[in-house]
Amino acid sequence: MVDTLAVSSQSGHSGINVWMIVAFVELGIIILLLLVRGKQDNAKMEAKKRVLQEGDIDMQNIVTSAFNAEPIYKELIVKCHPDRYAPDEAKMAIADELSSRITKSKHDLKALAALRQEAEEKLNI
């Protein structure tokens, strides 16, 4: 029978094992990933702070928009589609700009109401 402790001490290893090196490398990777994640979390928190500092959040508009914005959006996107104004280049450009803004404000009832008023003025809807 062979004594493995005696054999390992005679083999000349200075106590540092390959598995110990692997463990240190893994520890370094974990620390690096935690640092990167911390920076991402800080960036998210800064963005949240910036949004909250920009102005008041209109909860009534958010709740109302959730239930009422889609029909107004559909109506406006049909009325302001650039193809409806194909012969008139000026109105077509206005309709193109309005339709892109309508799409960006798809879920904001107040913005859609303002865009409806603007469309009525500029496109004579």
N, C-alpha and C. Protein backbone atom coordinates (compact mmCIF):
# COMPACT_ATOMS: atom_id res chain seq x y z
N MET A 1 0.84 -1.17 0.00
CA MET A 1 0.00 0.00 0.00
C MET A 1 0.89 1.24 0.00
N VAL A 2 0.47 2.26 -0.75
CA VAL A 2 1.28 3.45 -0.91
C VAL A 2 0.66 4.57 -0.09
N ASP A 3 1.49 5.27 0.65
CA ASP A 3 1.04 6.41 1.44
C ASP A 3 1.06 7.64 0.52
N THR A 4 -0.13 8.16 0.17
CA THR A 4 -0.22 9.26 -0.79
C THR A 4 0.35 10.55 -0.24
N LEU A 5 0.24 10.78 1.06
CA LEU A 5 0.81 11.99 1.65
C LEU A 5 2.33 11.97 1.54
N ALA A 6 2.91 10.82 1.77
CA ALA A 6 4.36 10.72 1.67
C ALA A 6 4.83 10.91 0.24
N VAL A 7 4.09 10.36 -0.70
CA VAL A 7 4.46 10.50 -2.10
C VAL A 7 4.35 11.94 -2.55
N SER A 8 3.25 12.63 -2.13
CA SER A 8 3.08 14.02 -2.55
C SER A 8 4.13 14.92 -1.94
N SER A 9 4.59 14.61 -0.72
CA SER A 9 5.61 15.46 -0.11
C SER A 9 6.97 15.20 -0.74
N GLN A 10 7.18 14.04 -1.30
CA GLN A 10 8.45 13.72 -1.94
C GLN A 10 8.52 14.21 -3.38
N SER A 11 7.36 14.55 -3.97
CA SER A 11 7.36 14.91 -5.39
C SER A 11 7.91 16.30 -5.64
N GLY A 12 8.16 17.08 -4.62
CA GLY A 12 8.78 18.37 -4.81
C GLY A 12 7.81 19.52 -4.98
N HIS A 13 6.52 19.33 -4.80
CA HIS A 13 5.56 20.44 -4.90
C HIS A 13 5.75 21.36 -3.71
N SER A 14 5.71 22.62 -3.96
CA SER A 14 5.93 23.58 -2.89
C SER A 14 4.65 23.95 -2.17
N GLY A 15 3.59 23.23 -2.36
CA GLY A 15 2.34 23.50 -1.65
C GLY A 15 1.31 24.18 -2.51
N ILE A 16 1.69 24.79 -3.64
CA ILE A 16 0.72 25.43 -4.52
C ILE A 16 0.24 24.39 -5.51
N ASN A 17 -1.03 24.20 -5.47
CA ASN A 17 -1.67 23.18 -6.28
C ASN A 17 -2.29 23.83 -7.52
N VAL A 18 -2.46 23.08 -8.57
CA VAL A 18 -3.10 23.58 -9.78
C VAL A 18 -4.52 24.02 -9.47
N TRP A 19 -5.18 23.28 -8.61
CA TRP A 19 -6.57 23.63 -8.27
C TRP A 19 -6.64 24.93 -7.48
N MET A 20 -5.61 25.22 -6.73
CA MET A 20 -5.56 26.49 -6.00
C MET A 20 -5.44 27.65 -6.98
N ILE A 21 -4.65 27.48 -8.01
CA ILE A 21 -4.51 28.52 -9.04
C ILE A 21 -5.84 28.73 -9.76
N VAL A 22 -6.51 27.63 -10.09
CA VAL A 22 -7.81 27.72 -10.74
C VAL A 22 -8.80 28.45 -9.83
N ALA A 23 -8.77 28.17 -8.54
CA ALA A 23 -9.67 28.82 -7.59
C ALA A 23 -9.40 30.33 -7.54
N PHE A 24 -8.14 30.73 -7.56
CA PHE A 24 -7.81 32.16 -7.54
C PHE A 24 -8.26 32.85 -8.83
N VAL A 25 -8.10 32.18 -9.95
CA VAL A 25 -8.56 32.75 -11.22
C VAL A 25 -10.08 32.92 -11.20
N GLU A 26 -10.79 31.91 -10.71
CA GLU A 26 -12.25 32.02 -10.60
C GLU A 26 -12.66 33.14 -9.67
N LEU A 27 -11.96 33.29 -8.57
CA LEU A 27 -12.25 34.38 -7.63
C LEU A 27 -12.05 35.74 -8.31
N GLY A 28 -11.00 35.86 -9.09
CA GLY A 28 -10.76 37.10 -9.83
C GLY A 28 -11.87 37.40 -10.82
N ILE A 29 -12.35 36.38 -11.51
CA ILE A 29 -13.44 36.56 -12.48
C ILE A 29 -14.71 36.99 -11.77
N ILE A 30 -15.00 36.37 -10.64
CA ILE A 30 -16.20 36.72 -9.87
C ILE A 30 -16.13 38.16 -9.40
N ILE A 31 -14.99 38.57 -8.88
CA ILE A 31 -14.83 39.96 -8.42
C ILE A 31 -14.99 40.93 -9.59
N LEU A 32 -14.43 40.61 -10.72
CA LEU A 32 -14.56 41.46 -11.90
C LEU A 32 -16.02 41.59 -12.33
N LEU A 33 -16.74 40.47 -12.35
CA LEU A 33 -18.16 40.52 -12.73
C LEU A 33 -18.98 41.33 -11.73
N LEU A 34 -18.67 41.22 -10.45
CA LEU A 34 -19.39 42.02 -9.45
C LEU A 34 -19.12 43.51 -9.63
N LEU A 35 -17.91 43.86 -9.96
CA LEU A 35 -17.59 45.27 -10.19
C LEU A 35 -18.33 45.82 -11.41
N VAL A 36 -18.38 45.04 -12.48
CA VAL A 36 -19.09 45.46 -13.69
C VAL A 36 -20.57 45.61 -13.39
N ARG A 37 -21.13 44.66 -12.67
CA ARG A 37 -22.56 44.71 -12.32
C ARG A 37 -22.85 45.92 -11.45
N GLY A 38 -21.95 46.23 -10.53
CA GLY A 38 -22.14 47.40 -9.68
C GLY A 38 -22.17 48.69 -10.48
N LYS A 39 -21.33 48.79 -11.49
CA LYS A 39 -21.33 49.98 -12.35
C LYS A 39 -22.63 50.08 -13.14
N GLN A 40 -23.15 48.94 -13.61
CA GLN A 40 -24.42 48.94 -14.34
C GLN A 40 -25.56 49.37 -13.43
N ASP A 41 -25.57 48.86 -12.19
CA ASP A 41 -26.61 49.24 -11.24
C ASP A 41 -26.53 50.74 -10.92
N ASN A 42 -25.32 51.27 -10.80
CA ASN A 42 -25.16 52.70 -10.55
C ASN A 42 -25.70 53.52 -11.71
N ALA A 43 -25.47 53.06 -12.93
CA ALA A 43 -25.97 53.77 -14.11
C ALA A 43 -27.50 53.76 -14.12
N LYS A 44 -28.11 52.63 -13.76
CA LYS A 44 -29.57 52.56 -13.70
C LYS A 44 -30.12 53.49 -12.63
N MET A 45 -29.47 53.53 -11.49
CA MET A 45 -29.94 54.40 -10.41
C MET A 45 -29.82 55.87 -10.80
N GLU A 46 -28.74 56.22 -11.49
CA GLU A 46 -28.57 57.60 -11.95
C GLU A 46 -29.66 57.97 -12.95
N ALA A 47 -30.01 57.05 -13.83
CA ALA A 47 -31.07 57.32 -14.80
C ALA A 47 -32.40 57.50 -14.10
N LYS A 48 -32.68 56.70 -13.10
CA LYS A 48 -33.93 56.85 -12.33
C LYS A 48 -33.97 58.20 -11.62
N LYS A 49 -32.86 58.58 -11.02
CA LYS A 49 -32.80 59.87 -10.33
C LYS A 49 -33.04 61.02 -11.30
N ARG A 50 -32.42 60.92 -12.49
CA ARG A 50 -32.57 61.97 -13.49
C ARG A 50 -34.03 62.10 -13.94
N VAL A 51 -34.69 60.97 -14.14
CA VAL A 51 -36.09 61.00 -14.56
C VAL A 51 -36.96 61.61 -13.48
N LEU A 52 -36.70 61.25 -12.24
CA LEU A 52 -37.50 61.79 -11.14
C LEU A 52 -37.25 63.27 -10.91
N GLN A 53 -36.04 63.75 -11.20
CA GLN A 53 -35.72 65.15 -11.01
C GLN A 53 -36.20 66.03 -12.15
N GLU A 54 -36.43 65.43 -13.32
CA GLU A 54 -36.84 66.22 -14.48
C GLU A 54 -38.20 66.88 -14.29
N GLY A 55 -39.06 66.26 -13.56
CA GLY A 55 -40.37 66.86 -13.38
C GLY A 55 -41.31 65.92 -12.68
N ASP A 56 -42.51 66.41 -12.52
CA ASP A 56 -43.52 65.63 -11.86
C ASP A 56 -44.02 64.52 -12.77
N ILE A 57 -44.33 63.41 -12.16
CA ILE A 57 -44.89 62.28 -12.89
C ILE A 57 -46.40 62.37 -12.77
N ASP A 58 -47.07 62.43 -13.90
CA ASP A 58 -48.52 62.56 -13.93
C ASP A 58 -49.14 61.16 -13.92
N MET A 59 -49.43 60.68 -12.72
CA MET A 59 -49.98 59.33 -12.59
C MET A 59 -51.37 59.23 -13.23
N GLN A 60 -52.15 60.30 -13.17
CA GLN A 60 -53.47 60.27 -13.78
C GLN A 60 -53.37 60.05 -15.29
N ASN A 61 -52.40 60.71 -15.92
CA ASN A 61 -52.20 60.53 -17.36
C ASN A 61 -51.74 59.11 -17.67
N ILE A 62 -50.90 58.55 -16.82
CA ILE A 62 -50.42 57.19 -17.03
C ILE A 62 -51.57 56.20 -16.97
N VAL A 63 -52.41 56.33 -15.96
CA VAL A 63 -53.53 55.40 -15.79
C VAL A 63 -54.55 55.60 -16.91
N THR A 64 -54.87 56.83 -17.22
CA THR A 64 -55.83 57.12 -18.28
C THR A 64 -55.30 56.65 -19.63
N SER A 65 -54.03 56.85 -19.87
CA SER A 65 -53.43 56.45 -21.14
C SER A 65 -53.47 54.94 -21.33
N ALA A 66 -53.33 54.22 -20.24
CA ALA A 66 -53.32 52.76 -20.34
C ALA A 66 -54.62 52.23 -20.92
N PHE A 67 -55.72 52.94 -20.68
CA PHE A 67 -57.02 52.45 -21.13
C PHE A 67 -57.58 53.19 -22.34
N ASN A 68 -57.12 54.41 -22.61
CA ASN A 68 -57.76 55.24 -23.63
C ASN A 68 -56.85 55.69 -24.77
N ALA A 69 -55.58 55.42 -24.74
CA ALA A 69 -54.67 55.97 -25.75
C ALA A 69 -54.73 55.21 -27.08
N GLU A 70 -54.97 53.93 -27.05
CA GLU A 70 -54.90 53.13 -28.28
C GLU A 70 -55.91 53.56 -29.35
N PRO A 71 -57.19 53.80 -29.02
CA PRO A 71 -58.11 54.23 -30.09
C PRO A 71 -57.73 55.58 -30.70
N ILE A 72 -57.26 56.49 -29.88
CA ILE A 72 -56.85 57.81 -30.39
C ILE A 72 -55.61 57.66 -31.27
N TYR A 73 -54.70 56.81 -30.83
CA TYR A 73 -53.49 56.55 -31.63
C TYR A 73 -53.87 56.01 -33.01
N LYS A 74 -54.73 55.02 -33.04
CA LYS A 74 -55.13 54.41 -34.32
C LYS A 74 -55.80 55.43 -35.23
N GLU A 75 -56.66 56.26 -34.64
CA GLU A 75 -57.35 57.29 -35.43
C GLU A 75 -56.34 58.28 -36.03
N LEU A 76 -55.41 58.75 -35.18
CA LEU A 76 -54.44 59.74 -35.65
C LEU A 76 -53.47 59.17 -36.68
N ILE A 77 -53.05 57.94 -36.49
CA ILE A 77 -52.07 57.37 -37.41
C ILE A 77 -52.70 57.18 -38.79
N VAL A 78 -54.01 56.93 -38.84
CA VAL A 78 -54.69 56.81 -40.13
C VAL A 78 -54.87 58.19 -40.76
N LYS A 79 -55.30 59.16 -39.97
CA LYS A 79 -55.55 60.51 -40.51
C LYS A 79 -54.27 61.23 -40.91
N CYS A 80 -53.16 60.92 -40.25
CA CYS A 80 -51.91 61.64 -40.51
C CYS A 80 -50.91 60.82 -41.31
N HIS A 81 -51.37 59.77 -41.95
CA HIS A 81 -50.43 58.96 -42.74
C HIS A 81 -49.99 59.77 -43.97
N PRO A 82 -48.70 59.80 -44.23
CA PRO A 82 -48.19 60.61 -45.34
C PRO A 82 -48.77 60.25 -46.71
N ASP A 83 -49.16 59.01 -46.92
CA ASP A 83 -49.69 58.60 -48.22
C ASP A 83 -51.01 59.29 -48.55
N ARG A 84 -51.73 59.75 -47.55
CA ARG A 84 -52.99 60.45 -47.79
C ARG A 84 -52.77 61.81 -48.45
N TYR A 85 -51.56 62.35 -48.30
CA TYR A 85 -51.26 63.68 -48.81
C TYR A 85 -50.22 63.62 -49.93
N ALA A 86 -50.23 62.54 -50.70
CA ALA A 86 -49.21 62.30 -51.72
C ALA A 86 -49.08 63.41 -52.76
N PRO A 87 -50.16 64.00 -53.28
CA PRO A 87 -49.95 65.04 -54.30
C PRO A 87 -49.29 66.31 -53.74
N ASP A 88 -49.54 66.62 -52.47
CA ASP A 88 -49.03 67.85 -51.88
C ASP A 88 -47.77 67.53 -51.05
N GLU A 89 -46.60 67.92 -51.57
CA GLU A 89 -45.33 67.59 -50.92
C GLU A 89 -45.20 68.25 -49.54
N ALA A 90 -45.68 69.47 -49.38
CA ALA A 90 -45.56 70.17 -48.10
C ALA A 90 -46.38 69.47 -47.03
N LYS A 91 -47.63 69.13 -47.36
CA LYS A 91 -48.47 68.43 -46.39
C LYS A 91 -47.95 67.02 -46.12
N MET A 92 -47.36 66.42 -47.14
CA MET A 92 -46.81 65.08 -46.96
C MET A 92 -45.65 65.10 -45.96
N ALA A 93 -44.81 66.12 -46.03
CA ALA A 93 -43.70 66.26 -45.08
C ALA A 93 -44.21 66.50 -43.67
N ILE A 94 -45.24 67.35 -43.55
CA ILE A 94 -45.85 67.62 -42.25
C ILE A 94 -46.46 66.34 -41.69
N ALA A 95 -47.17 65.59 -42.53
CA ALA A 95 -47.80 64.35 -42.09
C ALA A 95 -46.76 63.32 -41.69
N ASP A 96 -45.65 63.28 -42.40
CA ASP A 96 -44.58 62.34 -42.05
C ASP A 96 -44.01 62.66 -40.67
N GLU A 97 -43.77 63.94 -40.43
CA GLU A 97 -43.23 64.36 -39.13
C GLU A 97 -44.24 64.09 -38.02
N LEU A 98 -45.50 64.39 -38.27
CA LEU A 98 -46.54 64.16 -37.26
C LEU A 98 -46.72 62.67 -36.98
N SER A 99 -46.71 61.86 -38.01
CA SER A 99 -46.90 60.42 -37.79
C SER A 99 -45.74 59.81 -37.01
N SER A 100 -44.54 60.29 -37.20
CA SER A 100 -43.42 59.78 -36.40
C SER A 100 -43.56 60.20 -34.94
N ARG A 101 -44.01 61.43 -34.69
CA ARG A 101 -44.24 61.87 -33.32
C ARG A 101 -45.42 61.13 -32.68
N ILE A 102 -46.43 60.82 -33.47
CA ILE A 102 -47.58 60.07 -32.96
C ILE A 102 -47.13 58.68 -32.54
N THR A 103 -46.28 58.06 -33.35
CA THR A 103 -45.79 56.73 -33.02
C THR A 103 -44.96 56.75 -31.74
N LYS A 104 -44.14 57.79 -31.56
CA LYS A 104 -43.35 57.90 -30.33
C LYS A 104 -44.23 58.12 -29.11
N SER A 105 -45.37 58.76 -29.28
CA SER A 105 -46.27 59.07 -28.16
C SER A 105 -47.45 58.11 -28.10
N LYS A 106 -47.26 56.91 -28.59
CA LYS A 106 -48.34 55.93 -28.71
C LYS A 106 -49.07 55.67 -27.39
N HIS A 107 -48.38 55.74 -26.28
CA HIS A 107 -48.96 55.41 -24.98
C HIS A 107 -49.13 56.63 -24.08
N ASP A 108 -49.14 57.82 -24.64
CA ASP A 108 -49.27 59.05 -23.85
C ASP A 108 -50.48 59.82 -24.33
N LEU A 109 -51.55 59.78 -23.55
CA LEU A 109 -52.82 60.38 -23.95
C LEU A 109 -52.72 61.90 -24.11
N LYS A 110 -52.02 62.56 -23.20
CA LYS A 110 -51.88 64.02 -23.29
C LYS A 110 -51.13 64.43 -24.56
N ALA A 111 -50.06 63.72 -24.85
CA ALA A 111 -49.29 64.04 -26.06
C ALA A 111 -50.12 63.78 -27.31
N LEU A 112 -50.91 62.71 -27.30
CA LEU A 112 -51.76 62.41 -28.46
C LEU A 112 -52.83 63.47 -28.66
N ALA A 113 -53.38 63.99 -27.55
CA ALA A 113 -54.37 65.05 -27.66
C ALA A 113 -53.74 66.31 -28.26
N ALA A 114 -52.53 66.63 -27.83
CA ALA A 114 -51.83 67.80 -28.39
C ALA A 114 -51.50 67.58 -29.87
N LEU A 115 -51.12 66.37 -30.22
CA LEU A 115 -50.82 66.07 -31.62
C LEU A 115 -52.08 66.09 -32.48
N ARG A 116 -53.21 65.70 -31.91
CA ARG A 116 -54.47 65.77 -32.65
C ARG A 116 -54.78 67.23 -32.99
N GLN A 117 -54.60 68.11 -31.99
CA GLN A 117 -54.85 69.54 -32.21
C GLN A 117 -53.90 70.10 -33.28
N GLU A 118 -52.64 69.70 -33.19
CA GLU A 118 -51.65 70.18 -34.17
C GLU A 118 -51.98 69.66 -35.57
N ALA A 119 -52.42 68.41 -35.66
CA ALA A 119 -52.77 67.83 -36.96
C ALA A 119 -53.97 68.55 -37.55
N GLU A 120 -54.95 68.89 -36.72
CA GLU A 120 -56.13 69.61 -37.20
C GLU A 120 -55.74 70.98 -37.75
N GLU A 121 -54.79 71.63 -37.08
CA GLU A 121 -54.36 72.98 -37.52
C GLU A 121 -53.52 72.90 -38.81
N LYS A 122 -52.56 71.97 -38.83
CA LYS A 122 -51.62 71.95 -39.95
C LYS A 122 -52.15 71.22 -41.19
N LEU A 123 -52.96 70.18 -40.97
CA LEU A 123 -53.40 69.36 -42.09
C LEU A 123 -54.88 69.57 -42.44
N ASN A 124 -55.54 70.43 -41.70
CA ASN A 124 -56.97 70.71 -41.92
C ASN A 124 -57.81 69.44 -41.91
N ILE A 125 -57.64 68.66 -40.88
CA ILE A 125 -58.39 67.40 -40.76
C ILE A 125 -59.79 67.69 -40.24
